[in-house]
């Protein structure tokens, strides 16, 4: 198992503690990531169920921790610091392309652009390709992160996920 240097711990009501590295904290502090605090995971569900409030920010932290816990248990990955870092970055950044109202936004954009294949993942990848702050924080791992965010059988096999 690799030894990551965690510099911050955030308490999560479901997962317990989410451990973060210095670079992950820098990613959280970027404007494009901070905007996820204002995007609800469950769109307008809280209008019917007031307790159903969860943001893309919180969700992304949970995905980071869950992906890490899974990666630690895969023999071909758990000792590879590079792959672990890429998995953690990809998990943390996978939703940065979300617009307001979550997936409802995708449907609206798809109708307006007449592109039935439009998904927030395309915007996430675009942000990773052009955002200088994120690119400088992720550094040489950016291509691996982009590959992980493009779901293909090749990527799943390469990372030992079938």
N, C-alpha and C. Protein backbone atom coordinates (compact mmCIF):
# COMPACT_ATOMS: atom_id res chain seq x y z
N UNK A 1 0.83 -1.17 0.00
CA UNK A 1 0.00 0.00 0.00
C UNK A 1 0.89 1.25 0.00
N UNK A 2 0.50 2.24 -0.82
CA UNK A 2 1.29 3.47 -0.89
C UNK A 2 1.05 4.32 0.35
N UNK A 3 1.98 5.20 0.60
CA UNK A 3 1.88 6.07 1.76
C UNK A 3 1.68 7.50 1.28
N UNK A 4 0.42 7.94 1.23
CA UNK A 4 0.13 9.32 0.87
C UNK A 4 0.29 10.20 2.11
N UNK A 5 0.71 11.42 1.89
CA UNK A 5 0.84 12.34 3.01
C UNK A 5 -0.42 13.20 3.10
N UNK A 6 -1.28 12.85 4.05
CA UNK A 6 -2.52 13.58 4.23
C UNK A 6 -2.28 14.76 5.15
N UNK A 7 -2.80 15.92 4.75
CA UNK A 7 -2.59 17.13 5.54
C UNK A 7 -3.88 17.70 6.11
N UNK A 8 -5.02 17.13 5.72
CA UNK A 8 -6.30 17.61 6.23
C UNK A 8 -7.27 16.45 6.30
N UNK A 9 -8.16 16.52 7.28
CA UNK A 9 -9.20 15.51 7.43
C UNK A 9 -10.54 16.23 7.52
N UNK A 10 -11.50 15.75 6.73
CA UNK A 10 -12.85 16.32 6.75
C UNK A 10 -13.80 15.22 7.21
N UNK A 11 -14.68 15.57 8.12
CA UNK A 11 -15.66 14.61 8.64
C UNK A 11 -16.84 14.52 7.68
N UNK A 12 -17.15 13.30 7.27
CA UNK A 12 -18.28 13.02 6.39
C UNK A 12 -19.31 12.20 7.18
N UNK A 13 -20.60 12.57 7.10
CA UNK A 13 -21.60 11.85 7.90
C UNK A 13 -21.79 10.39 7.50
N UNK A 14 -21.46 10.04 6.26
CA UNK A 14 -21.62 8.66 5.80
C UNK A 14 -20.34 7.85 5.86
N UNK A 15 -19.24 8.46 5.46
CA UNK A 15 -17.99 7.72 5.31
C UNK A 15 -17.06 7.82 6.51
N UNK A 16 -17.38 8.68 7.42
CA UNK A 16 -16.47 8.90 8.54
C UNK A 16 -15.53 10.03 8.19
N UNK A 17 -14.27 9.70 7.96
CA UNK A 17 -13.29 10.74 7.67
C UNK A 17 -12.77 10.63 6.24
N UNK A 18 -12.66 11.79 5.59
CA UNK A 18 -12.08 11.90 4.26
C UNK A 18 -10.72 12.56 4.44
N UNK A 19 -9.68 11.85 4.04
CA UNK A 19 -8.31 12.36 4.19
C UNK A 19 -7.87 13.01 2.89
N UNK A 20 -7.24 14.16 2.99
CA UNK A 20 -6.85 14.93 1.82
C UNK A 20 -5.36 15.26 1.82
N UNK A 21 -4.77 15.21 0.64
CA UNK A 21 -3.38 15.62 0.47
C UNK A 21 -3.34 17.14 0.24
N UNK A 22 -2.16 17.69 0.27
CA UNK A 22 -2.00 19.13 0.04
C UNK A 22 -2.53 19.54 -1.33
N UNK A 23 -2.22 18.77 -2.37
CA UNK A 23 -2.70 19.10 -3.71
C UNK A 23 -4.22 18.99 -3.82
N UNK A 24 -4.80 18.02 -3.14
CA UNK A 24 -6.26 17.89 -3.17
C UNK A 24 -6.93 19.08 -2.49
N UNK A 25 -6.32 19.58 -1.44
CA UNK A 25 -6.84 20.77 -0.78
C UNK A 25 -6.76 21.96 -1.74
N UNK A 26 -5.66 22.06 -2.48
CA UNK A 26 -5.53 23.13 -3.47
C UNK A 26 -6.62 23.02 -4.53
N UNK A 27 -6.94 21.81 -4.94
CA UNK A 27 -8.02 21.62 -5.92
C UNK A 27 -9.36 22.07 -5.35
N UNK A 28 -9.60 21.73 -4.07
CA UNK A 28 -10.85 22.16 -3.42
C UNK A 28 -10.96 23.67 -3.41
N UNK A 29 -9.84 24.35 -3.30
CA UNK A 29 -9.84 25.81 -3.19
C UNK A 29 -9.97 26.54 -4.52
N UNK A 30 -9.95 25.82 -5.65
CA UNK A 30 -10.09 26.48 -6.94
C UNK A 30 -11.53 26.96 -7.12
N UNK A 31 -11.72 28.08 -7.81
CA UNK A 31 -13.08 28.60 -8.03
C UNK A 31 -14.00 27.59 -8.74
N UNK A 32 -13.46 26.86 -9.69
CA UNK A 32 -14.31 25.91 -10.44
C UNK A 32 -14.80 24.78 -9.53
N UNK A 33 -14.00 24.41 -8.53
CA UNK A 33 -14.44 23.38 -7.60
C UNK A 33 -15.36 23.97 -6.53
N UNK A 34 -15.05 25.15 -6.05
CA UNK A 34 -15.88 25.78 -5.02
C UNK A 34 -17.32 26.00 -5.49
N UNK A 35 -17.52 26.21 -6.78
CA UNK A 35 -18.88 26.42 -7.28
C UNK A 35 -19.75 25.19 -7.07
N UNK A 36 -19.13 24.02 -6.88
CA UNK A 36 -19.91 22.80 -6.64
C UNK A 36 -20.66 22.86 -5.31
N UNK A 37 -20.25 23.75 -4.42
CA UNK A 37 -20.97 23.93 -3.16
C UNK A 37 -22.40 24.44 -3.39
N UNK A 38 -22.61 25.09 -4.54
CA UNK A 38 -23.92 25.68 -4.84
C UNK A 38 -24.75 24.83 -5.79
N UNK A 39 -24.23 23.68 -6.20
CA UNK A 39 -24.97 22.81 -7.12
C UNK A 39 -25.46 21.60 -6.34
N UNK A 40 -26.76 21.47 -6.27
CA UNK A 40 -27.36 20.39 -5.50
C UNK A 40 -27.22 19.07 -6.23
N UNK A 41 -26.84 18.05 -5.50
CA UNK A 41 -26.72 16.70 -6.04
C UNK A 41 -28.08 16.17 -6.48
N UNK A 42 -29.10 16.51 -5.73
CA UNK A 42 -30.43 15.96 -5.97
C UNK A 42 -31.37 16.98 -6.62
N UNK A 43 -30.82 17.96 -7.32
CA UNK A 43 -31.59 19.00 -8.00
C UNK A 43 -32.59 19.62 -7.03
N UNK A 44 -33.87 19.57 -7.34
CA UNK A 44 -34.88 20.22 -6.49
C UNK A 44 -35.62 19.26 -5.58
N UNK A 45 -35.07 18.11 -5.34
CA UNK A 45 -35.71 17.12 -4.47
C UNK A 45 -35.99 17.69 -3.09
N UNK A 46 -35.15 18.60 -2.64
CA UNK A 46 -35.34 19.17 -1.30
C UNK A 46 -36.62 19.99 -1.18
N UNK A 47 -37.24 20.35 -2.30
CA UNK A 47 -38.51 21.06 -2.24
C UNK A 47 -39.62 20.14 -1.72
N UNK A 48 -39.48 18.85 -1.97
CA UNK A 48 -40.44 17.86 -1.48
C UNK A 48 -39.95 17.22 -0.19
N UNK A 49 -38.65 16.93 -0.14
CA UNK A 49 -38.02 16.32 1.03
C UNK A 49 -36.96 17.28 1.56
N UNK A 50 -37.33 18.16 2.50
CA UNK A 50 -36.41 19.21 2.95
C UNK A 50 -35.06 18.70 3.47
N UNK A 51 -35.00 17.48 3.93
CA UNK A 51 -33.73 16.95 4.42
C UNK A 51 -32.83 16.41 3.32
N UNK A 52 -33.31 16.39 2.10
CA UNK A 52 -32.54 15.83 0.98
C UNK A 52 -31.66 16.90 0.34
N UNK A 53 -30.72 17.42 1.12
CA UNK A 53 -29.81 18.45 0.62
C UNK A 53 -28.39 17.89 0.66
N UNK A 54 -27.82 17.80 -0.50
CA UNK A 54 -26.47 17.26 -0.65
C UNK A 54 -25.91 17.94 -1.90
N UNK A 55 -24.72 18.48 -1.80
CA UNK A 55 -24.17 19.21 -2.94
C UNK A 55 -23.17 18.35 -3.73
N UNK A 56 -22.86 18.82 -4.92
CA UNK A 56 -21.83 18.16 -5.73
C UNK A 56 -20.48 18.23 -5.03
N UNK A 57 -20.25 19.26 -4.24
CA UNK A 57 -19.01 19.38 -3.48
C UNK A 57 -18.89 18.21 -2.51
N UNK A 58 -19.92 18.00 -1.70
CA UNK A 58 -19.91 16.90 -0.73
C UNK A 58 -19.82 15.55 -1.43
N UNK A 59 -20.58 15.43 -2.50
CA UNK A 59 -20.57 14.18 -3.28
C UNK A 59 -19.16 13.87 -3.78
N UNK A 60 -18.48 14.87 -4.31
CA UNK A 60 -17.13 14.67 -4.85
C UNK A 60 -16.15 14.23 -3.78
N UNK A 61 -16.27 14.77 -2.57
CA UNK A 61 -15.42 14.32 -1.46
C UNK A 61 -15.70 12.85 -1.14
N UNK A 62 -16.96 12.47 -1.16
CA UNK A 62 -17.33 11.08 -0.90
C UNK A 62 -16.82 10.14 -1.97
N UNK A 63 -16.88 10.57 -3.23
CA UNK A 63 -16.37 9.75 -4.33
C UNK A 63 -14.87 9.57 -4.20
N UNK A 64 -14.17 10.63 -3.83
CA UNK A 64 -12.72 10.55 -3.61
C UNK A 64 -12.40 9.47 -2.58
N UNK A 65 -13.06 9.52 -1.44
CA UNK A 65 -12.77 8.57 -0.36
C UNK A 65 -13.17 7.14 -0.76
N UNK A 66 -14.31 7.00 -1.40
CA UNK A 66 -14.78 5.67 -1.81
C UNK A 66 -13.85 5.06 -2.86
N UNK A 67 -13.46 5.86 -3.85
CA UNK A 67 -12.55 5.38 -4.89
C UNK A 67 -11.21 4.95 -4.28
N UNK A 68 -10.73 5.72 -3.33
CA UNK A 68 -9.47 5.39 -2.66
C UNK A 68 -9.58 4.08 -1.89
N UNK A 69 -10.67 3.90 -1.18
CA UNK A 69 -10.87 2.67 -0.42
C UNK A 69 -10.92 1.45 -1.35
N UNK A 70 -11.54 1.62 -2.49
CA UNK A 70 -11.60 0.52 -3.46
C UNK A 70 -10.21 0.26 -4.05
N UNK A 71 -9.52 1.33 -4.46
CA UNK A 71 -8.19 1.20 -5.08
C UNK A 71 -7.20 0.53 -4.13
N UNK A 72 -7.32 0.81 -2.84
CA UNK A 72 -6.43 0.18 -1.86
C UNK A 72 -6.57 -1.34 -1.81
N UNK A 73 -7.68 -1.85 -2.29
CA UNK A 73 -7.96 -3.28 -2.22
C UNK A 73 -7.66 -4.02 -3.53
N UNK A 74 -7.25 -3.28 -4.56
CA UNK A 74 -6.94 -3.90 -5.84
C UNK A 74 -5.42 -4.10 -5.91
N UNK A 75 -4.97 -5.36 -5.91
CA UNK A 75 -3.52 -5.62 -5.85
C UNK A 75 -2.70 -4.91 -6.92
N UNK A 76 -3.21 -4.81 -8.14
CA UNK A 76 -2.44 -4.19 -9.21
C UNK A 76 -2.33 -2.67 -9.08
N UNK A 77 -3.09 -2.08 -8.17
CA UNK A 77 -3.10 -0.63 -8.02
C UNK A 77 -2.53 -0.17 -6.69
N UNK A 78 -2.79 -0.90 -5.62
CA UNK A 78 -2.54 -0.38 -4.27
C UNK A 78 -1.10 0.01 -3.98
N UNK A 79 -0.15 -0.50 -4.71
CA UNK A 79 1.26 -0.13 -4.48
C UNK A 79 1.79 0.87 -5.51
N UNK A 80 0.92 1.37 -6.38
CA UNK A 80 1.33 2.27 -7.44
C UNK A 80 0.87 3.70 -7.10
N UNK A 81 1.79 4.48 -6.55
CA UNK A 81 1.46 5.84 -6.12
C UNK A 81 0.88 6.67 -7.26
N UNK A 82 1.44 6.54 -8.45
CA UNK A 82 0.96 7.31 -9.60
C UNK A 82 -0.49 7.01 -9.92
N UNK A 83 -0.84 5.73 -9.96
CA UNK A 83 -2.23 5.36 -10.25
C UNK A 83 -3.17 5.79 -9.13
N UNK A 84 -2.73 5.64 -7.89
CA UNK A 84 -3.56 6.04 -6.76
C UNK A 84 -3.84 7.54 -6.84
N UNK A 85 -2.82 8.34 -7.11
CA UNK A 85 -3.02 9.79 -7.22
C UNK A 85 -3.98 10.13 -8.35
N UNK A 86 -3.81 9.48 -9.50
CA UNK A 86 -4.70 9.74 -10.64
C UNK A 86 -6.14 9.36 -10.33
N UNK A 87 -6.32 8.24 -9.67
CA UNK A 87 -7.67 7.80 -9.29
C UNK A 87 -8.29 8.81 -8.32
N UNK A 88 -7.53 9.26 -7.35
CA UNK A 88 -8.05 10.23 -6.38
C UNK A 88 -8.40 11.55 -7.06
N UNK A 89 -7.51 12.04 -7.94
CA UNK A 89 -7.81 13.28 -8.66
C UNK A 89 -9.06 13.13 -9.53
N UNK A 90 -9.14 12.04 -10.28
CA UNK A 90 -10.28 11.82 -11.16
C UNK A 90 -11.58 11.74 -10.35
N UNK A 91 -11.54 11.05 -9.23
CA UNK A 91 -12.73 10.93 -8.38
C UNK A 91 -13.14 12.30 -7.85
N UNK A 92 -12.18 13.08 -7.42
CA UNK A 92 -12.48 14.39 -6.86
C UNK A 92 -13.03 15.34 -7.93
N UNK A 93 -12.49 15.25 -9.15
CA UNK A 93 -12.83 16.22 -10.19
C UNK A 93 -13.91 15.75 -11.17
N UNK A 94 -14.43 14.56 -10.99
CA UNK A 94 -15.32 13.99 -12.00
C UNK A 94 -16.58 14.81 -12.26
N UNK A 95 -17.03 15.62 -11.32
CA UNK A 95 -18.28 16.37 -11.50
C UNK A 95 -18.08 17.88 -11.70
N UNK A 96 -16.87 18.34 -11.94
CA UNK A 96 -16.68 19.79 -12.06
C UNK A 96 -17.40 20.39 -13.26
N UNK A 97 -17.84 19.57 -14.18
CA UNK A 97 -18.56 20.06 -15.35
C UNK A 97 -20.06 20.19 -15.15
N UNK A 98 -20.55 19.87 -13.96
CA UNK A 98 -21.99 19.97 -13.71
C UNK A 98 -22.45 21.42 -13.72
N UNK A 99 -23.62 21.60 -14.31
CA UNK A 99 -24.27 22.91 -14.29
C UNK A 99 -25.35 22.92 -13.22
N UNK A 100 -26.08 24.02 -13.14
CA UNK A 100 -27.16 24.10 -12.15
C UNK A 100 -28.23 23.05 -12.42
N UNK A 101 -28.88 22.63 -11.38
CA UNK A 101 -29.95 21.62 -11.45
C UNK A 101 -29.46 20.26 -11.91
N UNK A 102 -28.17 20.04 -11.73
CA UNK A 102 -27.60 18.72 -11.95
C UNK A 102 -27.88 18.17 -13.34
N UNK A 103 -28.43 16.97 -13.44
CA UNK A 103 -28.61 16.34 -14.75
C UNK A 103 -29.73 16.98 -15.57
N UNK A 104 -30.62 17.71 -14.93
CA UNK A 104 -31.67 18.43 -15.66
C UNK A 104 -31.01 19.42 -16.62
N UNK A 105 -29.91 20.03 -16.18
CA UNK A 105 -29.14 20.96 -17.00
C UNK A 105 -28.66 20.30 -18.29
N UNK A 106 -28.21 19.06 -18.18
CA UNK A 106 -27.75 18.33 -19.37
C UNK A 106 -28.85 18.18 -20.40
N UNK A 107 -30.05 17.85 -19.93
CA UNK A 107 -31.17 17.69 -20.86
C UNK A 107 -31.49 18.99 -21.58
N UNK A 108 -31.43 20.09 -20.85
CA UNK A 108 -31.72 21.40 -21.46
C UNK A 108 -30.67 21.74 -22.51
N UNK A 109 -29.40 21.57 -22.17
CA UNK A 109 -28.32 21.87 -23.12
C UNK A 109 -28.41 20.93 -24.33
N UNK A 110 -28.71 19.67 -24.10
CA UNK A 110 -28.83 18.71 -25.21
C UNK A 110 -29.94 19.13 -26.16
N UNK A 111 -31.05 19.62 -25.62
CA UNK A 111 -32.15 20.07 -26.48
C UNK A 111 -31.78 21.33 -27.24
N UNK A 112 -31.16 22.28 -26.57
CA UNK A 112 -30.79 23.54 -27.20
C UNK A 112 -29.77 23.31 -28.31
N UNK A 113 -28.77 22.48 -28.04
CA UNK A 113 -27.70 22.24 -29.01
C UNK A 113 -28.03 21.14 -30.00
N UNK A 114 -29.14 20.45 -29.74
CA UNK A 114 -29.54 19.30 -30.56
C UNK A 114 -28.45 18.23 -30.61
N UNK A 115 -27.77 18.12 -29.47
CA UNK A 115 -26.72 17.12 -29.32
C UNK A 115 -27.16 16.14 -28.23
N UNK A 116 -27.75 15.04 -28.62
CA UNK A 116 -28.29 14.09 -27.65
C UNK A 116 -27.19 13.41 -26.83
N UNK A 117 -25.95 13.55 -27.23
CA UNK A 117 -24.84 12.93 -26.52
C UNK A 117 -24.21 13.86 -25.49
N UNK A 118 -24.75 15.08 -25.33
CA UNK A 118 -24.17 16.02 -24.39
C UNK A 118 -24.32 15.50 -22.96
N UNK A 119 -23.21 15.50 -22.24
CA UNK A 119 -23.18 15.09 -20.84
C UNK A 119 -22.22 16.00 -20.09
N UNK A 120 -22.40 16.12 -18.79
CA UNK A 120 -21.52 16.97 -18.00
C UNK A 120 -20.08 16.49 -18.04
N UNK A 121 -19.88 15.21 -18.31
CA UNK A 121 -18.52 14.68 -18.37
C UNK A 121 -17.69 15.37 -19.45
N UNK A 122 -18.34 15.77 -20.54
CA UNK A 122 -17.63 16.49 -21.60
C UNK A 122 -17.13 17.83 -21.09
N UNK A 123 -17.95 18.50 -20.31
CA UNK A 123 -17.55 19.78 -19.73
C UNK A 123 -16.44 19.57 -18.70
N UNK A 124 -16.55 18.52 -17.90
CA UNK A 124 -15.49 18.22 -16.91
C UNK A 124 -14.16 18.04 -17.61
N UNK A 125 -14.15 17.26 -18.68
CA UNK A 125 -12.90 17.04 -19.42
C UNK A 125 -12.38 18.34 -20.01
N UNK A 126 -13.27 19.15 -20.55
CA UNK A 126 -12.87 20.43 -21.14
C UNK A 126 -12.24 21.34 -20.07
N UNK A 127 -12.85 21.40 -18.91
CA UNK A 127 -12.30 22.21 -17.81
C UNK A 127 -10.90 21.72 -17.45
N UNK A 128 -10.73 20.40 -17.35
CA UNK A 128 -9.41 19.86 -17.02
C UNK A 128 -8.37 20.20 -18.09
N UNK A 129 -8.81 20.31 -19.33
CA UNK A 129 -7.87 20.59 -20.42
C UNK A 129 -7.48 22.06 -20.49
N UNK A 130 -8.34 22.96 -19.99
CA UNK A 130 -8.06 24.39 -20.17
C UNK A 130 -7.81 25.16 -18.88
N UNK A 131 -8.22 24.65 -17.74
CA UNK A 131 -8.07 25.40 -16.49
C UNK A 131 -6.62 25.32 -16.01
N UNK A 132 -5.93 26.45 -16.07
CA UNK A 132 -4.51 26.49 -15.72
C UNK A 132 -4.26 26.15 -14.25
N UNK A 133 -5.16 26.58 -13.37
CA UNK A 133 -4.98 26.28 -11.94
C UNK A 133 -5.01 24.77 -11.70
N UNK A 134 -6.02 24.12 -12.24
CA UNK A 134 -6.15 22.67 -12.05
C UNK A 134 -4.99 21.94 -12.70
N UNK A 135 -4.63 22.33 -13.90
CA UNK A 135 -3.53 21.67 -14.61
C UNK A 135 -2.22 21.80 -13.84
N UNK A 136 -1.98 22.96 -13.23
CA UNK A 136 -0.72 23.13 -12.51
C UNK A 136 -0.71 22.31 -11.21
N UNK A 137 -1.88 22.14 -10.58
CA UNK A 137 -1.95 21.36 -9.35
C UNK A 137 -1.80 19.87 -9.65
N UNK A 138 -2.51 19.40 -10.65
CA UNK A 138 -2.48 17.97 -11.00
C UNK A 138 -1.16 17.61 -11.67
N UNK A 139 -0.58 18.55 -12.38
CA UNK A 139 0.74 18.35 -12.99
C UNK A 139 0.79 17.24 -14.01
N UNK A 140 1.81 16.42 -13.93
CA UNK A 140 2.04 15.37 -14.93
C UNK A 140 1.01 14.26 -14.88
N UNK A 141 0.15 14.27 -13.87
CA UNK A 141 -0.90 13.26 -13.78
C UNK A 141 -2.14 13.60 -14.60
N UNK A 142 -2.15 14.77 -15.26
CA UNK A 142 -3.36 15.23 -15.94
C UNK A 142 -3.82 14.27 -17.04
N UNK A 143 -2.90 13.72 -17.83
CA UNK A 143 -3.31 12.81 -18.90
C UNK A 143 -3.93 11.53 -18.34
N UNK A 144 -3.38 11.02 -17.25
CA UNK A 144 -3.96 9.84 -16.62
C UNK A 144 -5.34 10.12 -16.06
N UNK A 145 -5.53 11.31 -15.50
CA UNK A 145 -6.84 11.70 -14.98
C UNK A 145 -7.84 11.81 -16.12
N UNK A 146 -7.43 12.46 -17.20
CA UNK A 146 -8.32 12.58 -18.37
C UNK A 146 -8.68 11.20 -18.92
N UNK A 147 -7.72 10.30 -18.96
CA UNK A 147 -8.00 8.94 -19.43
C UNK A 147 -9.01 8.25 -18.53
N UNK A 148 -8.87 8.42 -17.23
CA UNK A 148 -9.81 7.79 -16.31
C UNK A 148 -11.22 8.35 -16.47
N UNK A 149 -11.31 9.61 -16.81
CA UNK A 149 -12.63 10.22 -16.97
C UNK A 149 -13.25 9.92 -18.33
N UNK A 150 -12.52 9.20 -19.16
CA UNK A 150 -13.07 8.71 -20.42
C UNK A 150 -13.25 7.22 -20.23
N UNK A 151 -14.45 6.81 -19.96
CA UNK A 151 -14.71 5.41 -19.63
C UNK A 151 -14.60 4.54 -20.87
N UNK A 152 -13.56 3.73 -20.90
CA UNK A 152 -13.40 2.76 -21.97
C UNK A 152 -12.95 1.44 -21.36
N UNK A 153 -13.15 0.37 -22.09
CA UNK A 153 -12.71 -0.93 -21.60
C UNK A 153 -11.19 -0.94 -21.40
N UNK A 154 -10.46 -0.25 -22.28
CA UNK A 154 -9.00 -0.19 -22.16
C UNK A 154 -8.60 0.39 -20.80
N UNK A 155 -9.24 1.48 -20.39
CA UNK A 155 -8.91 2.11 -19.11
C UNK A 155 -9.24 1.18 -17.95
N UNK A 156 -10.40 0.54 -18.02
CA UNK A 156 -10.80 -0.34 -16.93
C UNK A 156 -9.83 -1.51 -16.78
N UNK A 157 -9.37 -2.05 -17.90
CA UNK A 157 -8.43 -3.17 -17.84
C UNK A 157 -7.09 -2.68 -17.33
N UNK A 158 -6.64 -1.52 -17.81
CA UNK A 158 -5.35 -0.97 -17.40
C UNK A 158 -5.31 -0.74 -15.89
N UNK A 159 -6.42 -0.35 -15.31
CA UNK A 159 -6.47 -0.10 -13.88
C UNK A 159 -6.96 -1.30 -13.08
N UNK A 160 -7.10 -2.44 -13.76
CA UNK A 160 -7.47 -3.66 -13.06
C UNK A 160 -8.93 -3.71 -12.66
N UNK A 161 -9.76 -2.92 -13.35
CA UNK A 161 -11.20 -2.88 -13.05
C UNK A 161 -11.95 -3.51 -14.21
N UNK A 162 -12.55 -4.65 -13.99
CA UNK A 162 -13.29 -5.32 -15.07
C UNK A 162 -14.77 -5.26 -14.86
